[in-house]
C-alpha atoms as a PDB file:
ATOM      1  CA  MET A   1     -16.136  24.265   8.718  1.00  0.00           C
ATOM      2  CA  ARG A   2     -16.327  25.253   4.991  1.00  0.00           C
ATOM      3  CA  GLY A   3     -14.784  23.610   2.004  1.00  0.00           C
ATOM      4  CA  LYS A   4     -13.050  20.244   2.483  1.00  0.00           C
ATOM      5  CA  ALA A   5     -14.021  18.256   5.453  1.00  0.00           C
ATOM      6  CA  PHE A   6     -11.423  17.866   8.139  1.00  0.00           C
ATOM      7  CA  ARG A   7      -9.936  14.320   8.365  1.00  0.00           C
ATOM      8  CA  PRO A   8      -7.655  13.582  11.136  1.00  0.00           C
ATOM      9  CA  ARG A   9      -4.368  11.914  10.041  1.00  0.00           C
ATOM     10  CA  PRO A  10      -3.525   8.548  11.429  1.00  0.00           C
ATOM     11  CA  VAL A  11      -1.225   8.814  14.351  1.00  0.00           C
ATOM     12  CA  ARG A  12       2.070   6.949  14.283  1.00  0.00           C
ATOM     13  CA  THR A  13       2.333   5.506  17.680  1.00  0.00           C
ATOM     14  CA  THR A  14       5.739   4.761  19.110  1.00  0.00           C
ATOM     15  CA  SER A  15       6.825   3.085  22.344  1.00  0.00           C
ATOM     16  CA  PRO A  16       9.028   4.968  24.850  1.00  0.00           C
ATOM     17  CA  ASP A  17      12.143   3.510  23.044  1.00  0.00           C
ATOM     18  CA  GLY A  18      11.061   5.201  19.842  1.00  0.00           C
ATOM     19  CA  MET A  19       9.906   1.962  18.016  1.00  0.00           C
ATOM     20  CA  ASN A  20       6.627   1.623  16.182  1.00  0.00           C
ATOM     21  CA  LYS A  21       4.683  -1.684  16.566  1.00  0.00           C
ATOM     22  CA  THR A  22       6.358  -3.358  13.502  1.00  0.00           C
ATOM     23  CA  GLU A  23       9.921  -2.327  14.738  1.00  0.00           C
ATOM     24  CA  ARG A  24       9.069  -3.510  18.199  1.00  0.00           C
ATOM     25  CA  GLU A  25       7.955  -6.960  16.889  1.00  0.00           C
ATOM     26  CA  TYR A  26      11.220  -7.156  14.720  1.00  0.00           C
ATOM     27  CA  ALA A  27      13.333  -6.186  17.714  1.00  0.00           C
ATOM     28  CA  ASP A  28      11.738  -9.002  19.743  1.00  0.00           C
ATOM     29  CA  ARG A  29      12.679 -11.324  16.810  1.00  0.00           C
ATOM     30  CA  LEU A  30      16.259 -10.084  16.873  1.00  0.00           C
ATOM     31  CA  GLU A  31      16.420 -10.565  20.506  1.00  0.00           C
ATOM     32  CA  ARG A  32      15.269 -14.193  20.182  1.00  0.00           C
ATOM     33  CA  GLN A  33      17.899 -14.658  17.562  1.00  0.00           C
ATOM     34  CA  ARG A  34      20.617 -13.212  19.912  1.00  0.00           C
ATOM     35  CA  LEU A  35      19.553 -15.457  22.743  1.00  0.00           C
ATOM     36  CA  ALA A  36      19.696 -18.445  20.440  1.00  0.00           C
ATOM     37  CA  GLY A  37      23.205 -17.469  19.424  1.00  0.00           C
ATOM     38  CA  GLU A  38      22.260 -16.825  15.659  1.00  0.00           C
ATOM     39  CA  ILE A  39      23.403 -13.148  15.921  1.00  0.00           C
ATOM     40  CA  CYS A  40      25.919 -11.544  18.326  1.00  0.00           C
ATOM     41  CA  ALA A  41      24.072  -8.211  19.026  1.00  0.00           C
ATOM     42  CA  TRP A  42      21.766  -5.591  17.631  1.00  0.00           C
ATOM     43  CA  ARG A  43      20.958  -1.910  18.179  1.00  0.00           C
ATOM     44  CA  PHE A  44      18.029   0.298  17.137  1.00  0.00           C
ATOM     45  CA  GLU A  45      18.717   3.406  15.009  1.00  0.00           C
ATOM     46  CA  PRO A  46      22.349   3.501  16.019  1.00  0.00           C
ATOM     47  CA  PHE A  47      23.654   6.189  13.572  1.00  0.00           C
ATOM     48  CA  ASN A  48      22.963   8.215  10.413  1.00  0.00           C
ATOM     49  CA  PHE A  49      24.426   7.798   6.889  1.00  0.00           C
ATOM     50  CA  ARG A  50      24.995  11.058   4.933  1.00  0.00           C
ATOM     51  CA  LEU A  51      23.908  10.356   1.495  1.00  0.00           C
ATOM     52  CA  ALA A  52      24.146  13.890   0.011  1.00  0.00           C
ATOM     53  CA  ASN A  53      23.921  17.484   1.170  1.00  0.00           C
ATOM     54  CA  ARG A  54      21.218  17.680   3.731  1.00  0.00           C
ATOM     55  CA  THR A  55      20.110  14.143   2.882  1.00  0.00           C
ATOM     56  CA  TYR A  56      20.514  11.498   5.563  1.00  0.00           C
ATOM     57  CA  TYR A  57      19.405   7.974   6.148  1.00  0.00           C
ATOM     58  CA  ARG A  58      18.942   6.441   9.575  1.00  0.00           C
ATOM     59  CA  PRO A  59      18.704   2.705   9.425  1.00  0.00           C
ATOM     60  CA  ASP A  60      16.279   0.955  11.817  1.00  0.00           C
ATOM     61  CA  PHE A  61      18.620  -1.623  13.077  1.00  0.00           C
ATOM     62  CA  LEU A  62      22.379  -2.485  13.085  1.00  0.00           C
ATOM     63  CA  VAL A  63      22.832  -6.279  13.481  1.00  0.00           C
ATOM     64  CA  VAL A  64      26.208  -7.707  14.438  1.00  0.00           C
ATOM     65  CA  CYS A  65      26.780 -11.284  13.088  1.00  0.00           C
ATOM     66  CA  ALA A  66      29.802 -13.370  13.348  1.00  0.00           C
ATOM     67  CA  GLY A  67      32.292 -11.818  10.878  1.00  0.00           C
ATOM     68  CA  HIS A  68      30.078  -9.072   9.361  1.00  0.00           C
ATOM     69  CA  PHE A  69      27.573  -6.231  10.040  1.00  0.00           C
ATOM     70  CA  GLU A  70      24.081  -6.017   8.680  1.00  0.00           C
ATOM     71  CA  ILE A  71      21.817  -3.037   8.257  1.00  0.00           C
ATOM     72  CA  HIS A  72      18.089  -3.893   8.517  1.00  0.00           C
ATOM     73  CA  GLU A  73      15.261  -1.535   7.461  1.00  0.00           C
ATOM     74  CA  VAL A  74      11.824  -2.522   8.638  1.00  0.00           C
ATOM     75  CA  LYS A  75       8.602  -1.311   6.960  1.00  0.00           C
ATOM     76  CA  GLY A  76       4.977  -2.297   7.039  1.00  0.00           C
ATOM     77  CA  PHE A  77       4.958  -1.402   3.379  1.00  0.00           C
ATOM     78  CA  TRP A  78       7.612   0.018   1.061  1.00  0.00           C
ATOM     79  CA  GLN A  79       7.435   3.389  -0.686  1.00  0.00           C
ATOM     80  CA  ASP A  80       9.712   4.260  -3.607  1.00  0.00           C
ATOM     81  CA  ASP A  81      11.574   6.949  -1.705  1.00  0.00           C
ATOM     82  CA  ALA A  82      12.516   4.531   1.089  1.00  0.00           C
ATOM     83  CA  LEU A  83      13.778   2.000  -1.373  1.00  0.00           C
ATOM     84  CA  VAL A  84      15.890   4.578  -3.140  1.00  0.00           C
ATOM     85  CA  LYS A  85      17.486   5.657   0.088  1.00  0.00           C
ATOM     86  CA  ILE A  86      18.413   2.114   1.056  1.00  0.00           C
ATOM     87  CA  LYS A  87      19.795   1.282  -2.449  1.00  0.00           C
ATOM     88  CA  VAL A  88      21.864   4.538  -2.473  1.00  0.00           C
ATOM     89  CA  ALA A  89      23.225   3.852   1.010  1.00  0.00           C
ATOM     90  CA  ALA A  90      23.973   0.140   0.029  1.00  0.00           C
ATOM     91  CA  GLU A  91      25.990   1.371  -2.923  1.00  0.00           C
ATOM     92  CA  MET A  92      27.902   3.981  -0.884  1.00  0.00           C
ATOM     93  CA  HIS A  93      28.644   1.539   1.935  1.00  0.00           C
ATOM     94  CA  PRO A  94      29.147  -1.913   0.395  1.00  0.00           C
ATOM     95  CA  TRP A  95      30.944  -3.440   3.498  1.00  0.00           C
ATOM     96  CA  PHE A  96      27.522  -3.914   5.244  1.00  0.00           C
ATOM     97  CA  VAL A  97      24.847  -6.497   4.229  1.00  0.00           C
ATOM     98  CA  TRP A  98      21.647  -4.504   3.614  1.00  0.00           C
ATOM     99  CA  ARG A  99      18.251  -5.980   4.217  1.00  0.00           C
ATOM    100  CA  ALA A 100      14.876  -4.591   3.559  1.00  0.00           C
ATOM    101  CA  VAL A 101      12.452  -6.345   5.895  1.00  0.00           C
ATOM    102  CA  GLN A 102       8.651  -6.373   5.709  1.00  0.00           C
ATOM    103  CA  TYR A 103       6.007  -8.148   7.657  1.00  0.00           C
ATOM    104  CA  LYS A 104       3.578  -9.411   5.263  1.00  0.00           C
ATOM    105  CA  LYS A 105       0.830 -12.077   5.477  1.00  0.00           C
ATOM    106  CA  GLN A 106       1.984 -12.970   8.981  1.00  0.00           C
ATOM    107  CA  GLN A 107       5.584 -13.617   7.982  1.00  0.00           C
ATOM    108  CA  TRP A 108       8.740 -11.687   7.695  1.00  0.00           C
ATOM    109  CA  THR A 109      10.071 -11.241   4.068  1.00  0.00           C
ATOM    110  CA  GLU A 110      13.538  -9.915   3.354  1.00  0.00           C
ATOM    111  CA  ARG A 111      15.237  -8.420   0.272  1.00  0.00           C
ATOM    112  CA  THR A 112      19.070  -8.259   0.381  1.00  0.00           C
ATOM    113  CA  PHE A 113      21.027  -5.402  -1.328  1.00  0.00           C
END
């Protein structure tokens, strides 16, 4: 091959249910919370939010708590465009509690919007 060397892109592996490794670990955490009675229920990628023309945001998790709903977005690391989308969605739909969740240094960290 001439010119630039070909470098294969990393493959994003997903499980049969569509979750990547970080999302699967977080789903396991949510399930433990459900069984302990800390939350009522949860769903993976339940719907899309329309943010603008041809711009949509699909949250990772809908979490049903006693008396309110939460949207959880799980990332291994955060990029600016992902933060912008969750902030815009949080402003447009203030009746949800919005959480940006990251697995960092062997613990879950959360930011609430």
